[in-house]
Amino acid sequence: MVRTASRAHDWRSAARTDTGKVRARNEDAFLDLPEQGLWVVADGMGGHHNGALASRLIVEQLAELPEGSLAERLANLRRCLHDLNRRLGQELTITADRPDPVTGSTVVALLMETDRAACVWAGDSRCYLWRRGRLYQLSRDHSLLQQLIDEQNLSPQDAARHPAAHALTRAIGASEQLVLDILEFDVYPGDTLLLCSDGLYQSLSPNALGAALNSPSATLALHRLFDQAMDGPARDNLSAVVIRR
């Protein structure tokens, strides 16, 4: 699925999701609503039925958020995700006797209002900023890998050797209490933002991400990201939204 050349005010965006080369089905979902200043990537977990359901519910519910100021929209987005966490947690309880009861999803969402933005996330889907020739990772993964790096001062290489390194420590529907991380920041002309699932960024080096985001348009940046990712093994679903001012 591809959506390109969307525009509202000073922002243009392009979005795409792909099953990849190994997975039989796609559990990712995205939202590309530049007219509302809202973009989302969700990466479902728990097998195709449960994962696809969770990611789809997230984007469908967030698409219905009411208009308002950035602060009002941020409060409504948080409330919506907490409600979904409870809903998916109930699904978990109902299906607890099944072999794979998890119904959950990562989420990374971006809200924009003129020169201010807010990023909200849970899990290991990421938000990147390309600004003046430098790549910044704005989100911080909620994974055991990142926890080992932070709490045990392990190098990324040593932490990655842990057998459960990529297990998530937060996600929508994964636990009774949801904790969201939020980052508010200023945006400037020339900024490019990327929301993506782990299937995309694990396929590309930071240099490759930056080179693609340095493209002259959001649409071209998206094409370059997917072309390079699909040149590799592409073992997971791939999803990305590129937003450019």
Protein backbone atom coordinates (compact mmCIF):
# COMPACT_ATOMS: atom_id res chain seq x y z
CA MET A 1 0.00 0.00 0.00
CA VAL A 2 1.36 3.43 -0.97
CA ARG A 3 0.09 6.93 -0.40
CA THR A 4 2.17 9.77 -1.80
CA ALA A 5 2.20 13.50 -2.51
CA SER A 6 -0.17 14.51 0.30
CA ARG A 7 0.01 18.16 1.32
CA ALA A 8 -1.49 20.48 3.89
CA HIS A 9 -0.21 24.00 4.61
CA ASP A 10 3.60 23.79 4.55
CA TRP A 11 3.87 20.03 5.04
CA ARG A 12 4.09 17.30 2.41
CA SER A 13 4.08 13.61 3.24
CA ALA A 14 4.34 10.21 1.63
CA ALA A 15 3.59 6.83 3.21
CA ARG A 16 3.98 3.16 2.34
CA THR A 17 3.77 -0.31 3.87
CA ASP A 18 5.02 -3.60 2.43
CA THR A 19 4.87 -7.22 3.58
CA GLY A 20 8.58 -7.73 2.87
CA LYS A 21 10.16 -10.87 1.44
CA VAL A 22 9.57 -13.42 4.22
CA ARG A 23 6.36 -12.75 6.10
CA ALA A 24 3.15 -14.11 4.58
CA ARG A 25 1.02 -11.19 5.79
CA ASN A 26 1.38 -7.58 6.84
CA GLU A 27 0.67 -6.64 10.48
CA ASP A 28 1.75 -3.00 10.05
CA ALA A 29 -0.57 -0.04 9.52
CA PHE A 30 -0.04 3.66 8.92
CA LEU A 31 -1.95 6.93 8.98
CA ASP A 32 -1.07 9.78 6.62
CA LEU A 33 -3.29 12.81 7.34
CA PRO A 34 -1.32 15.98 6.55
CA GLU A 35 -4.56 17.96 6.40
CA GLN A 36 -4.95 17.19 10.11
CA GLY A 37 -1.26 17.37 10.95
CA LEU A 38 -1.31 13.72 12.03
CA TRP A 39 0.86 10.77 11.04
CA VAL A 40 1.12 7.31 12.63
CA VAL A 41 2.93 3.99 12.19
CA ALA A 42 1.77 0.91 14.14
CA ASP A 43 3.46 -2.51 14.10
CA GLY A 44 1.14 -5.28 15.32
CA MET A 45 2.23 -8.30 17.33
CA GLY A 46 0.65 -11.58 18.34
CA GLY A 47 0.24 -13.42 15.05
CA HIS A 48 -1.42 -12.03 11.92
CA HIS A 49 -4.99 -11.90 13.16
CA ASN A 50 -4.19 -10.30 16.50
CA GLY A 51 -1.35 -8.07 15.31
CA ALA A 52 -3.19 -6.79 12.26
CA LEU A 53 -6.29 -6.15 14.38
CA ALA A 54 -4.34 -4.13 16.94
CA SER A 55 -2.48 -1.95 14.44
CA ARG A 56 -5.65 -1.38 12.41
CA LEU A 57 -7.62 -0.35 15.50
CA ILE A 58 -4.93 2.16 16.42
CA VAL A 59 -4.92 3.95 13.08
CA GLU A 60 -8.70 3.83 12.73
CA GLN A 61 -9.29 5.31 16.19
CA LEU A 62 -6.61 7.98 15.86
CA ALA A 63 -8.02 9.04 12.49
CA GLU A 64 -11.22 10.06 14.32
CA LEU A 65 -9.56 12.44 16.78
CA PRO A 66 -11.29 15.83 16.99
CA GLU A 67 -9.67 19.08 15.91
CA GLY A 68 -8.24 21.56 18.41
CA SER A 69 -5.01 23.06 19.61
CA LEU A 70 -1.86 20.98 19.73
CA ALA A 71 -2.27 20.54 23.49
CA GLU A 72 -5.90 19.44 23.11
CA ARG A 73 -5.09 17.02 20.31
CA LEU A 74 -2.17 15.58 22.28
CA ALA A 75 -4.42 15.00 25.29
CA ASN A 76 -7.05 13.33 23.09
CA LEU A 77 -4.44 11.15 21.38
CA ARG A 78 -3.08 9.97 24.73
CA ARG A 79 -6.60 9.26 26.00
CA CYS A 80 -7.38 7.28 22.84
CA LEU A 81 -4.27 5.13 23.21
CA HIS A 82 -4.98 4.42 26.87
CA ASP A 83 -8.54 3.41 25.95
CA LEU A 84 -7.21 1.10 23.25
CA ASN A 85 -4.74 -0.40 25.70
CA ARG A 86 -7.63 -1.34 27.98
CA ARG A 87 -9.65 -2.67 25.05
CA LEU A 88 -6.81 -4.82 23.76
CA GLY A 89 -6.05 -5.94 27.31
CA GLN A 90 -9.61 -7.23 27.56
CA GLU A 91 -9.05 -9.08 24.29
CA LEU A 92 -5.96 -10.61 25.90
CA THR A 93 -8.02 -11.83 28.86
CA ILE A 94 -10.72 -13.29 26.63
CA THR A 95 -8.19 -15.23 24.52
CA ALA A 96 -5.86 -16.25 27.36
CA ASP A 97 -6.55 -19.96 26.83
CA ARG A 98 -5.31 -19.82 23.24
CA PRO A 99 -1.74 -20.69 22.23
CA ASP A 100 -0.93 -17.11 21.19
CA PRO A 101 -3.14 -14.77 23.21
CA VAL A 102 -1.25 -11.50 22.69
CA THR A 103 -3.12 -8.72 20.88
CA GLY A 104 -0.90 -5.67 20.78
CA SER A 105 0.99 -3.16 18.70
CA THR A 106 3.74 -0.60 18.84
CA VAL A 107 2.79 2.94 17.93
CA VAL A 108 4.64 6.09 16.98
CA ALA A 109 2.50 9.14 16.25
CA LEU A 110 3.36 12.68 15.18
CA LEU A 111 1.14 15.72 15.70
CA MET A 112 1.97 19.00 13.98
CA GLU A 113 0.75 22.56 14.40
CA THR A 114 2.55 25.31 12.46
CA ASP A 115 6.06 25.32 13.98
CA ARG A 116 5.44 22.91 16.86
CA ALA A 117 5.30 19.12 16.89
CA ALA A 118 4.64 16.37 19.41
CA CYS A 119 5.82 12.78 19.05
CA VAL A 120 4.15 10.02 21.11
CA TRP A 121 5.30 6.41 21.16
CA ALA A 122 5.25 3.01 22.82
CA GLY A 123 7.42 0.15 21.58
CA ASP A 124 10.25 0.15 19.04
CA SER A 125 8.73 1.92 16.06
CA ARG A 126 10.77 5.08 15.62
CA CYS A 127 10.70 8.78 14.82
CA TYR A 128 13.72 10.34 13.11
CA LEU A 129 14.50 13.96 12.26
CA TRP A 130 16.73 14.97 9.37
CA ARG A 131 17.87 18.56 9.89
CA ARG A 132 20.67 20.46 8.18
CA GLY A 133 22.51 17.35 7.08
CA ARG A 134 22.25 15.46 10.39
CA LEU A 135 20.07 12.53 11.43
CA TYR A 136 18.54 12.50 14.92
CA GLN A 137 16.62 9.61 16.47
CA LEU A 138 13.93 11.39 18.46
CA SER A 139 12.24 8.32 19.95
CA ARG A 140 13.91 5.83 22.28
CA ASP A 141 13.08 2.15 21.87
CA HIS A 142 11.03 0.41 24.54
CA SER A 143 12.86 -2.89 24.19
CA LEU A 144 15.00 -5.16 26.33
CA LEU A 145 17.93 -4.28 24.08
CA GLN A 146 17.67 -0.58 24.97
CA GLN A 147 17.08 -1.44 28.63
CA LEU A 148 20.27 -3.51 28.74
CA ILE A 149 22.20 -0.63 27.18
CA ASP A 150 20.76 1.91 29.62
CA GLU A 151 20.76 -0.07 32.86
CA GLN A 152 23.75 -2.36 32.47
CA ASN A 153 25.95 -0.07 30.38
CA LEU A 154 26.32 -2.71 27.69
CA SER A 155 27.38 -1.82 24.19
CA PRO A 156 24.71 -2.27 21.52
CA GLN A 157 26.70 -5.23 20.17
CA ASP A 158 26.86 -6.96 23.56
CA ALA A 159 23.22 -6.21 24.36
CA ALA A 160 22.15 -7.65 20.99
CA ARG A 161 23.59 -11.04 22.02
CA HIS A 162 20.90 -11.46 24.65
CA PRO A 163 18.44 -14.09 23.38
CA ALA A 164 15.44 -11.81 24.07
CA ALA A 165 17.14 -8.56 23.08
CA HIS A 166 14.33 -7.42 20.79
CA ALA A 167 11.50 -8.21 23.20
CA LEU A 168 9.34 -5.15 23.78
CA THR A 169 9.05 -3.58 27.23
CA ARG A 170 6.08 -1.41 26.22
CA ALA A 171 3.33 -1.66 23.61
CA ILE A 172 -0.38 -0.94 23.23
CA GLY A 173 -2.23 -3.92 24.72
CA ALA A 174 0.84 -5.56 26.23
CA SER A 175 0.22 -4.73 29.88
CA GLU A 176 -2.47 -3.35 32.15
CA GLN A 177 -0.68 -0.03 32.67
CA LEU A 178 0.40 1.83 29.54
CA VAL A 179 3.22 4.38 29.79
CA LEU A 180 3.67 6.61 26.74
CA ASP A 181 6.76 8.67 25.98
CA ILE A 182 6.15 12.17 24.62
CA LEU A 183 8.54 14.62 23.03
CA GLU A 184 7.50 18.15 22.01
CA PHE A 185 9.82 20.19 19.81
CA ASP A 186 10.06 23.06 17.33
CA VAL A 187 10.12 22.41 13.60
CA TYR A 188 11.83 24.53 10.96
CA PRO A 189 11.71 24.95 7.18
CA GLY A 190 13.72 22.17 5.54
CA ASP A 191 13.08 19.64 8.32
CA THR A 192 12.24 16.08 7.29
CA LEU A 193 10.67 13.59 9.71
CA LEU A 194 10.45 9.83 9.38
CA LEU A 195 8.12 7.48 11.23
CA CYS A 196 8.90 3.80 10.64
CA SER A 197 8.54 0.27 11.93
CA ASP A 198 11.57 -1.75 13.02
CA GLY A 199 11.42 -3.77 9.81
CA LEU A 200 12.54 -0.68 7.91
CA TYR A 201 15.26 0.78 10.13
CA GLN A 202 16.80 -2.62 10.92
CA SER A 203 17.35 -3.04 7.18
CA LEU A 204 19.25 0.24 6.77
CA SER A 205 22.25 1.92 8.33
CA PRO A 206 21.91 5.43 9.80
CA ASN A 207 23.92 6.73 6.84
CA ALA A 208 21.49 5.12 4.41
CA LEU A 209 18.52 6.58 6.29
CA GLY A 210 20.05 10.04 6.20
CA ALA A 211 20.97 9.82 2.52
CA ALA A 212 17.40 8.85 1.61
CA LEU A 213 15.87 11.60 3.75
CA ASN A 214 18.17 14.11 2.05
CA SER A 215 16.21 13.55 -1.18
CA PRO A 216 14.48 16.60 -2.69
CA SER A 217 10.95 15.38 -1.91
CA ALA A 218 9.10 13.20 0.59
CA THR A 219 7.97 10.90 -2.21
CA LEU A 220 11.49 10.36 -3.53
CA ALA A 221 12.83 9.82 -0.01
CA LEU A 222 10.18 7.14 0.57
CA HIS A 223 11.03 5.39 -2.70
CA ARG A 224 14.73 5.35 -1.84
CA LEU A 225 14.09 3.96 1.65
CA PHE A 226 12.02 1.08 0.31
CA ASP A 227 14.26 0.38 -2.67
CA GLN A 228 17.25 -0.04 -0.38
CA ALA A 229 15.35 -2.03 2.26
CA MET A 230 13.96 -4.39 -0.36
CA ASP A 231 17.45 -4.91 -1.77
CA GLY A 232 18.24 -6.59 1.55
CA PRO A 233 16.62 -9.63 3.19
CA ALA A 234 13.47 -7.68 4.25
CA ARG A 235 12.55 -10.37 6.78
CA ASP A 236 9.88 -8.25 8.48
CA ASN A 237 7.02 -6.01 7.37
CA LEU A 238 8.20 -2.54 6.33
CA SER A 239 6.30 0.70 7.00
CA ALA A 240 7.33 4.35 6.77
CA VAL A 241 5.87 7.84 6.62
CA VAL A 242 8.09 10.71 5.44
CA ILE A 243 7.02 14.26 6.31
CA ARG A 244 8.79 17.29 4.91
CA ARG A 245 8.42 21.02 5.50
